[in-house]
Amino acid sequence: GRVVFDGEDIGGKPPHAATQRGIGRTFQNIR
């Protein structure tokens, strides 16, 4: 499958790549 974010396929890219492109997150278990 694919993950397309803001027009770009980011599926399989590392977490820092998702962050740089504009995806922020919190965690179920506080980190």
Full PDB file with SEQRES, HELIX, SHEET, SSBOND, CRYST1, ORIGX, SCALE, CONECT and MASTER records, all heavy atoms in Angstrom:
SEQRES   1 A   31  GLY ARG VAL VAL PHE ASP GLY GLU ASP ILE GLY GLY LYS          
SEQRES   2 A   31  PRO PRO HIS ALA ALA THR GLN ARG GLY ILE GLY ARG THR          
SEQRES   3 A   31  PHE GLN ASN ILE ARG                                          
HELIX    1 AA1 PRO A   15  ARG A   21  1                                   7    
SHEET    1 AA1 2 VAL A   4  PHE A   5  0                                        
SHEET    2 AA1 2 GLU A   8  ASP A   9 -1                                        
CRYST1    1.000    1.000    1.000  90.00  90.00  90.00 P 1           1          
ORIGX1      1.000000  0.000000  0.000000        0.00000                         
ORIGX2      0.000000  1.000000  0.000000        0.00000                         
ORIGX3      0.000000  0.000000  1.000000        0.00000                         
SCALE1      1.000000  0.000000  0.000000        0.00000                         
SCALE2      0.000000  1.000000  0.000000        0.00000                         
SCALE3      0.000000  0.000000  1.000000        0.00000                         
ATOM      1  N   GLY A   1       0.803  -1.216   0.000  1.00  0.00           N  
ATOM      2  CA  GLY A   1       0.000   0.000   0.000  1.00  0.00           C  
ATOM      3  C   GLY A   1       0.835   1.265   0.000  1.00  0.00           C  
ATOM      4  O   GLY A   1       2.069   1.222   0.022  1.00  0.00           O  
ATOM      5  N   ARG A   2       0.137   2.401  -0.021  1.00  0.00           N  
ATOM      6  CA  ARG A   2       0.799   3.709  -0.122  1.00  0.00           C  
ATOM      7  C   ARG A   2       0.261   4.660   0.931  1.00  0.00           C  
ATOM      8  O   ARG A   2      -0.903   4.564   1.344  1.00  0.00           O  
ATOM      9  CB  ARG A   2       0.561   4.303  -1.510  1.00  0.00           C  
ATOM     10  CG  ARG A   2       1.079   3.468  -2.661  1.00  0.00           C  
ATOM     11  CD  ARG A   2       0.550   3.993  -3.985  1.00  0.00           C  
ATOM     12  NE  ARG A   2       0.987   5.364  -4.233  1.00  0.00           N  
ATOM     13  CZ  ARG A   2       0.280   6.274  -4.908  1.00  0.00           C  
ATOM     14  NH1 ARG A   2      -0.923   5.954  -5.384  1.00  0.00           N  
ATOM     15  NH2 ARG A   2       0.755   7.477  -5.107  1.00  0.00           N  
ATOM     16  N   VAL A   3       1.126   5.589   1.341  1.00  0.00           N  
ATOM     17  CA  VAL A   3       0.732   6.706   2.199  1.00  0.00           C  
ATOM     18  C   VAL A   3       1.101   7.986   1.456  1.00  0.00           C  
ATOM     19  O   VAL A   3       2.284   8.259   1.225  1.00  0.00           O  
ATOM     20  CB  VAL A   3       1.450   6.674   3.565  1.00  0.00           C  
ATOM     21  CG1 VAL A   3       1.032   7.881   4.405  1.00  0.00           C  
ATOM     22  CG2 VAL A   3       1.154   5.386   4.308  1.00  0.00           C  
ATOM     23  N   VAL A   4       0.098   8.736   1.036  1.00  0.00           N  
ATOM     24  CA  VAL A   4       0.331   9.970   0.281  1.00  0.00           C  
ATOM     25  C   VAL A   4      -0.014  11.146   1.179  1.00  0.00           C  
ATOM     26  O   VAL A   4      -1.165  11.304   1.605  1.00  0.00           O  
ATOM     27  CB  VAL A   4      -0.521  10.007  -1.008  1.00  0.00           C  
ATOM     28  CG1 VAL A   4      -0.278  11.311  -1.764  1.00  0.00           C  
ATOM     29  CG2 VAL A   4      -0.211   8.804  -1.887  1.00  0.00           C  
ATOM     30  N   PHE A   5       0.995  11.958   1.464  1.00  0.00           N  
ATOM     31  CA  PHE A   5       0.807  13.121   2.333  1.00  0.00           C  
ATOM     32  C   PHE A   5       1.156  14.387   1.572  1.00  0.00           C  
ATOM     33  O   PHE A   5       2.263  14.529   1.055  1.00  0.00           O  
ATOM     34  CB  PHE A   5       1.691  13.014   3.582  1.00  0.00           C  
ATOM     35  CG  PHE A   5       1.588  14.211   4.484  1.00  0.00           C  
ATOM     36  CD1 PHE A   5       0.439  14.444   5.236  1.00  0.00           C  
ATOM     37  CD2 PHE A   5       2.628  15.118   4.581  1.00  0.00           C  
ATOM     38  CE1 PHE A   5       0.339  15.551   6.056  1.00  0.00           C  
ATOM     39  CE2 PHE A   5       2.539  16.231   5.404  1.00  0.00           C  
ATOM     40  CZ  PHE A   5       1.384  16.450   6.144  1.00  0.00           C  
ATOM     41  N   ASP A   6       0.178  15.285   1.490  1.00  0.00           N  
ATOM     42  CA  ASP A   6       0.384  16.568   0.810  1.00  0.00           C  
ATOM     43  C   ASP A   6       0.934  16.351  -0.605  1.00  0.00           C  
ATOM     44  O   ASP A   6       1.823  17.070  -1.059  1.00  0.00           O  
ATOM     45  CB  ASP A   6       1.326  17.445   1.635  1.00  0.00           C  
ATOM     46  CG  ASP A   6       1.104  18.930   1.389  1.00  0.00           C  
ATOM     47  OD1 ASP A   6       0.068  19.293   0.797  1.00  0.00           O  
ATOM     48  OD2 ASP A   6       1.970  19.740   1.784  1.00  0.00           O  
ATOM     49  N   GLY A   7       0.405  15.325  -1.271  1.00  0.00           N  
ATOM     50  CA  GLY A   7       0.769  15.055  -2.654  1.00  0.00           C  
ATOM     51  C   GLY A   7       2.002  14.200  -2.858  1.00  0.00           C  
ATOM     52  O   GLY A   7       2.354  13.883  -3.990  1.00  0.00           O  
ATOM     53  N   GLU A   8       2.664  13.778  -1.777  1.00  0.00           N  
ATOM     54  CA  GLU A   8       3.909  13.003  -1.890  1.00  0.00           C  
ATOM     55  C   GLU A   8       3.742  11.639  -1.236  1.00  0.00           C  
ATOM     56  O   GLU A   8       3.210  11.529  -0.136  1.00  0.00           O  
ATOM     57  CB  GLU A   8       5.055  13.753  -1.219  1.00  0.00           C  
ATOM     58  CG  GLU A   8       6.389  13.043  -1.306  1.00  0.00           C  
ATOM     59  CD  GLU A   8       7.514  13.810  -0.626  1.00  0.00           C  
ATOM     60  OE1 GLU A   8       7.257  14.915  -0.122  1.00  0.00           O  
ATOM     61  OE2 GLU A   8       8.643  13.287  -0.595  1.00  0.00           O  
ATOM     62  N   ASP A   9       4.231  10.603  -1.903  1.00  0.00           N  
ATOM     63  CA  ASP A   9       4.198   9.252  -1.341  1.00  0.00           C  
ATOM     64  C   ASP A   9       5.302   9.137  -0.296  1.00  0.00           C  
ATOM     65  O   ASP A   9       6.491   9.192  -0.618  1.00  0.00           O  
ATOM     66  CB  ASP A   9       4.406   8.216  -2.448  1.00  0.00           C  
ATOM     67  CG  ASP A   9       4.144   6.787  -1.964  1.00  0.00           C  
ATOM     68  OD1 ASP A   9       4.081   6.578  -0.734  1.00  0.00           O  
ATOM     69  OD2 ASP A   9       4.011   5.895  -2.814  1.00  0.00           O  
ATOM     70  N   ILE A  10       4.902   8.995   0.978  1.00  0.00           N  
ATOM     71  CA  ILE A  10       5.885   8.923   2.062  1.00  0.00           C  
ATOM     72  C   ILE A  10       5.912   7.535   2.698  1.00  0.00           C  
ATOM     73  O   ILE A  10       6.592   7.334   3.711  1.00  0.00           O  
ATOM     74  CB  ILE A  10       5.613   9.980   3.146  1.00  0.00           C  
ATOM     75  CG1 ILE A  10       4.254   9.742   3.814  1.00  0.00           C  
ATOM     76  CG2 ILE A  10       5.709  11.387   2.569  1.00  0.00           C  
ATOM     77  CD1 ILE A  10       4.056  10.552   5.084  1.00  0.00           C  
ATOM     78  N   GLY A  11       5.177   6.581   2.154  1.00  0.00           N  
ATOM     79  CA  GLY A  11       5.125   5.244   2.722  1.00  0.00           C  
ATOM     80  C   GLY A  11       6.504   4.611   2.801  1.00  0.00           C  
ATOM     81  O   GLY A  11       7.217   4.549   1.799  1.00  0.00           O  
ATOM     82  N   GLY A  12       6.899   4.173   3.989  1.00  0.00           N  
ATOM     83  CA  GLY A  12       8.192   3.531   4.163  1.00  0.00           C  
ATOM     84  C   GLY A  12       9.336   4.474   4.457  1.00  0.00           C  
ATOM     85  O   GLY A  12      10.438   4.023   4.766  1.00  0.00           O  
ATOM     86  N   LYS A  13       9.104   5.788   4.364  1.00  0.00           N  
ATOM     87  CA  LYS A  13      10.162   6.734   4.719  1.00  0.00           C  
ATOM     88  C   LYS A  13      10.317   6.764   6.242  1.00  0.00           C  
ATOM     89  O   LYS A  13       9.370   6.494   6.978  1.00  0.00           O  
ATOM     90  CB  LYS A  13       9.846   8.131   4.185  1.00  0.00           C  
ATOM     91  CG  LYS A  13       9.866   8.237   2.661  1.00  0.00           C  
ATOM     92  CD  LYS A  13       9.695   9.667   2.200  1.00  0.00           C  
ATOM     93  CE  LYS A  13       9.634   9.769   0.678  1.00  0.00           C  
ATOM     94  NZ  LYS A  13      10.900   9.353   0.049  1.00  0.00           N  
ATOM     95  N   PRO A  14      11.510   7.103   6.758  1.00  0.00           N  
ATOM     96  CA  PRO A  14      11.737   7.077   8.203  1.00  0.00           C  
ATOM     97  C   PRO A  14      10.965   8.174   8.929  1.00  0.00           C  
ATOM     98  O   PRO A  14      10.511   9.146   8.304  1.00  0.00           O  
ATOM     99  CB  PRO A  14      13.253   7.293   8.327  1.00  0.00           C  
ATOM    100  CG  PRO A  14      13.637   7.999   7.062  1.00  0.00           C  
ATOM    101  CD  PRO A  14      12.724   7.467   5.996  1.00  0.00           C  
ATOM    102  N   PRO A  15      10.816   8.055  10.264  1.00  0.00           N  
ATOM    103  CA  PRO A  15      10.019   9.030  11.021  1.00  0.00           C  
ATOM    104  C   PRO A  15      10.462  10.481  10.837  1.00  0.00           C  
ATOM    105  O   PRO A  15       9.616  11.371  10.744  1.00  0.00           O  
ATOM    106  CB  PRO A  15      10.214   8.573  12.472  1.00  0.00           C  
ATOM    107  CG  PRO A  15      10.441   7.100  12.368  1.00  0.00           C  
ATOM    108  CD  PRO A  15      11.242   6.911  11.110  1.00  0.00           C  
ATOM    109  N   HIS A  16      11.776  10.720  10.757  1.00  0.00           N  
ATOM    110  CA  HIS A  16      12.207  12.119  10.628  1.00  0.00           C  
ATOM    111  C   HIS A  16      11.754  12.722   9.297  1.00  0.00           C  
ATOM    112  O   HIS A  16      11.513  13.926   9.204  1.00  0.00           O  
ATOM    113  CB  HIS A  16      13.735  12.245  10.787  1.00  0.00           C  
ATOM    114  CG  HIS A  16      14.530  11.695   9.637  1.00  0.00           C  
ATOM    115  ND1 HIS A  16      15.036  10.411   9.628  1.00  0.00           N  
ATOM    116  CD2 HIS A  16      14.917  12.265   8.461  1.00  0.00           C  
ATOM    117  CE1 HIS A  16      15.696  10.215   8.494  1.00  0.00           C  
ATOM    118  NE2 HIS A  16      15.633  11.315   7.771  1.00  0.00           N  
ATOM    119  N   ALA A  17      11.601  11.887   8.271  1.00  0.00           N  
ATOM    120  CA  ALA A  17      11.124  12.382   6.978  1.00  0.00           C  
ATOM    121  C   ALA A  17       9.659  12.806   7.082  1.00  0.00           C  
ATOM    122  O   ALA A  17       9.255  13.829   6.516  1.00  0.00           O  
ATOM    123  CB  ALA A  17      11.300  11.316   5.902  1.00  0.00           C  
ATOM    124  N   ALA A  18       8.854  12.018   7.806  1.00  0.00           N  
ATOM    125  CA  ALA A  18       7.453  12.382   8.012  1.00  0.00           C  
ATOM    126  C   ALA A  18       7.355  13.676   8.817  1.00  0.00           C  
ATOM    127  O   ALA A  18       6.534  14.554   8.525  1.00  0.00           O  
ATOM    128  CB  ALA A  18       6.721  11.254   8.726  1.00  0.00           C  
ATOM    129  N   THR A  19       8.210  13.812   9.821  1.00  0.00           N  
ATOM    130  CA  THR A  19       8.213  15.030  10.650  1.00  0.00           C  
ATOM    131  C   THR A  19       8.588  16.248   9.817  1.00  0.00           C  
ATOM    132  O   THR A  19       7.938  17.297   9.892  1.00  0.00           O  
ATOM    133  CB  THR A  19       9.195  14.876  11.824  1.00  0.00           C  
ATOM    134  OG1 THR A  19       8.833  13.741  12.605  1.00  0.00           O  
ATOM    135  CG2 THR A  19       9.170  16.116  12.714  1.00  0.00           C  
ATOM    136  N   GLN A  20       9.619  16.127   9.016  1.00  0.00           N  
ATOM    137  CA  GLN A  20      10.074  17.245   8.185  1.00  0.00           C  
ATOM    138  C   GLN A  20       9.007  17.679   7.191  1.00  0.00           C  
ATOM    139  O   GLN A  20       8.893  18.865   6.865  1.00  0.00           O  
ATOM    140  CB  GLN A  20      11.359  16.863   7.449  1.00  0.00           C  
ATOM    141  CG  GLN A  20      12.573  16.794   8.363  1.00  0.00           C  
ATOM    142  CD  GLN A  20      13.794  16.239   7.651  1.00  0.00           C  
ATOM    143  OE1 GLN A  20      13.690  15.596   6.587  1.00  0.00           O  
ATOM    144  NE2 GLN A  20      14.972  16.462   8.214  1.00  0.00           N  
ATOM    145  N   ARG A  21       8.188  16.740   6.734  1.00  0.00           N  
ATOM    146  CA  ARG A  21       7.156  17.067   5.755  1.00  0.00           C  
ATOM    147  C   ARG A  21       5.896  17.629   6.412  1.00  0.00           C  
ATOM    148  O   ARG A  21       5.015  18.113   5.715  1.00  0.00           O  
ATOM    149  CB  ARG A  21       6.843  15.834   4.905  1.00  0.00           C  
ATOM    150  CG  ARG A  21       7.931  15.552   3.883  1.00  0.00           C  
ATOM    151  CD  ARG A  21       7.896  14.127   3.356  1.00  0.00           C  
ATOM    152  NE  ARG A  21       8.913  13.923   2.329  1.00  0.00           N  
ATOM    153  CZ  ARG A  21      10.207  13.758   2.583  1.00  0.00           C  
ATOM    154  NH1 ARG A  21      10.642  13.781   3.827  1.00  0.00           N  
ATOM    155  NH2 ARG A  21      11.062  13.582   1.595  1.00  0.00           N  
ATOM    156  N   GLY A  22       5.801  17.524   7.750  1.00  0.00           N  
ATOM    157  CA  GLY A  22       4.691  18.188   8.425  1.00  0.00           C  
ATOM    158  C   GLY A  22       3.731  17.297   9.174  1.00  0.00           C  
ATOM    159  O   GLY A  22       2.570  17.656   9.358  1.00  0.00           O  
ATOM    160  N   ILE A  23       4.200  16.116   9.616  1.00  0.00           N  
ATOM    161  CA  ILE A  23       3.366  15.246  10.447  1.00  0.00           C  
ATOM    162  C   ILE A  23       3.939  15.239  11.863  1.00  0.00           C  
ATOM    163  O   ILE A  23       5.075  14.806  12.083  1.00  0.00           O  
ATOM    164  CB  ILE A  23       3.311  13.807   9.905  1.00  0.00           C  
ATOM    165  CG1 ILE A  23       2.715  13.786   8.495  1.00  0.00           C  
ATOM    166  CG2 ILE A  23       2.482  12.923  10.830  1.00  0.00           C  
ATOM    167  CD1 ILE A  23       2.654  12.407   7.862  1.00  0.00           C  
ATOM    168  N   GLY A  24       3.155  15.739  12.810  1.00  0.00           N  
ATOM    169  CA  GLY A  24       3.545  15.697  14.212  1.00  0.00           C  
ATOM    170  C   GLY A  24       2.657  14.718  14.957  1.00  0.00           C  
ATOM    171  O   GLY A  24       1.525  14.460  14.546  1.00  0.00           O  
ATOM    172  N   ARG A  25       3.169  14.184  16.096  1.00  0.00           N  
ATOM    173  CA  ARG A  25       2.368  13.193  16.812  1.00  0.00           C  
ATOM    174  C   ARG A  25       2.686  13.199  18.303  1.00  0.00           C  
ATOM    175  O   ARG A  25       3.750  13.647  18.727  1.00  0.00           O  
ATOM    176  CB  ARG A  25       2.591  11.796  16.249  1.00  0.00           C  
ATOM    177  CG  ARG A  25       3.940  11.185  16.613  1.00  0.00           C  
ATOM    178  CD  ARG A  25       4.008   9.704  16.256  1.00  0.00           C  
ATOM    179  NE  ARG A  25       3.108   8.887  17.045  1.00  0.00           N  
ATOM    180  CZ  ARG A  25       3.005   7.570  16.926  1.00  0.00           C  
ATOM    181  NH1 ARG A  25       3.734   6.920  16.034  1.00  0.00           N  
ATOM    182  NH2 ARG A  25       2.172   6.882  17.690  1.00  0.00           N  
ATOM    183  N   THR A  26       1.718  12.694  19.068  1.00  0.00           N  
ATOM    184  CA  THR A  26       1.949  12.323  20.452  1.00  0.00           C  
ATOM    185  C   THR A  26       1.822  10.806  20.535  1.00  0.00           C  
ATOM    186  O   THR A  26       1.473  10.144  19.553  1.00  0.00           O  
ATOM    187  CB  THR A  26       0.940  12.987  21.402  1.00  0.00           C  
ATOM    188  OG1 THR A  26      -0.377  12.491  21.111  1.00  0.00           O  
ATOM    189  CG2 THR A  26       0.948  14.499  21.243  1.00  0.00           C  
ATOM    190  N   PHE A  27       2.072  10.252  21.728  1.00  0.00           N  
ATOM    191  CA  PHE A  27       2.127   8.802  21.865  1.00  0.00           C  
ATOM    192  C   PHE A  27       1.147   8.315  22.913  1.00  0.00           C  
ATOM    193  O   PHE A  27       0.835   9.019  23.883  1.00  0.00           O  
ATOM    194  CB  PHE A  27       3.542   8.355  22.232  1.00  0.00           C  
ATOM    195  CG  PHE A  27       4.561   8.620  21.157  1.00  0.00           C  
ATOM    196  CD1 PHE A  27       5.208   9.839  21.083  1.00  0.00           C  
ATOM    197  CD2 PHE A  27       4.845   7.646  20.202  1.00  0.00           C  
ATOM    198  CE1 PHE A  27       6.136  10.094  20.083  1.00  0.00           C  
ATOM    199  CE2 PHE A  27       5.772   7.895  19.198  1.00  0.00           C  
ATOM    200  CZ  PHE A  27       6.417   9.122  19.134  1.00  0.00           C  
ATOM    201  N   GLN A  28       0.674   7.072  22.719  1.00  0.00           N  
ATOM    202  CA  GLN A  28      -0.240   6.461  23.675  1.00  0.00           C  
ATOM    203  C   GLN A  28       0.419   6.384  25.058  1.00  0.00           C  
ATOM    204  O   GLN A  28      -0.186   6.719  26.070  1.00  0.00           O  
ATOM    205  CB  GLN A  28      -0.620   5.057  23.192  1.00  0.00           C  
ATOM    206  CG  GLN A  28      -1.589   4.331  24.105  1.00  0.00           C  
ATOM    207  CD  GLN A  28      -1.964   2.962  23.541  1.00  0.00           C  
ATOM    208  OE1 GLN A  28      -1.531   2.577  22.459  1.00  0.00           O  
ATOM    209  NE2 GLN A  28      -2.762   2.231  24.275  1.00  0.00           N  
ATOM    210  N   ASN A  29       1.668   5.939  25.078  1.00  0.00           N  
ATOM    211  CA  ASN A  29       2.463   5.943  26.301  1.00  0.00           C  
ATOM    212  C   ASN A  29       3.407   7.134  26.225  1.00  0.00           C  
ATOM    213  O   ASN A  29       4.231   7.217  25.314  1.00  0.00           O  
ATOM    214  CB  ASN A  29       3.263   4.641  26.432  1.00  0.00           C  
ATOM    215  CG  ASN A  29       2.354   3.424  26.493  1.00  0.00           C  
ATOM    216  OD1 ASN A  29       1.391   3.397  27.245  1.00  0.00           O  
ATOM    217  ND2 ASN A  29       2.645   2.421  25.667  1.00  0.00           N  
ATOM    218  N   ILE A  30       3.272   8.048  27.165  1.00  0.00           N  
ATOM    219  CA  ILE A  30       4.003   9.309  27.122  1.00  0.00           C  
ATOM    220  C   ILE A  30       5.495   9.066  26.913  1.00  0.00           C  
ATOM    221  O   ILE A  30       6.107   8.258  27.611  1.00  0.00           O  
ATOM    222  CB  ILE A  30       3.764  10.111  28.412  1.00  0.00           C  
ATOM    223  CG1 ILE A  30       2.298  10.541  28.499  1.00  0.00           C  
ATOM    224  CG2 ILE A  30       4.668  11.337  28.461  1.00  0.00           C  
ATOM    225  CD1 ILE A  30       1.926  11.190  29.805  1.00  0.00           C  
ATOM    226  N   ARG A  31       6.077   9.767  25.953  1.00  0.00           N  
ATOM    227  CA  ARG A  31       7.499   9.609  25.640  1.00  0.00           C  
ATOM    228  C   ARG A  31       8.198  10.959  25.727  1.00  0.00           C  
ATOM    229  O   ARG A  31       8.549  11.564  24.715  1.00  0.00           O  
ATOM    230  CB  ARG A  31       7.685   9.003  24.253  1.00  0.00           C  
ATOM    231  CG  ARG A  31       7.121   7.600  24.120  1.00  0.00           C  
ATOM    232  CD  ARG A  31       7.460   6.997  22.783  1.00  0.00           C  
ATOM    233  NE  ARG A  31       6.798   5.719  22.580  1.00  0.00           N  
ATOM    234  CZ  ARG A  31       6.907   4.984  21.484  1.00  0.00           C  
ATOM    235  NH1 ARG A  31       7.669   5.404  20.487  1.00  0.00           N  
ATOM    236  NH2 ARG A  31       6.252   3.836  21.370  1.00  0.00           N  
TER     237      ARG A  31                                                      
MASTER        0    0    0    1    2    0    0    6  236    1    0    3          
END                                                                             
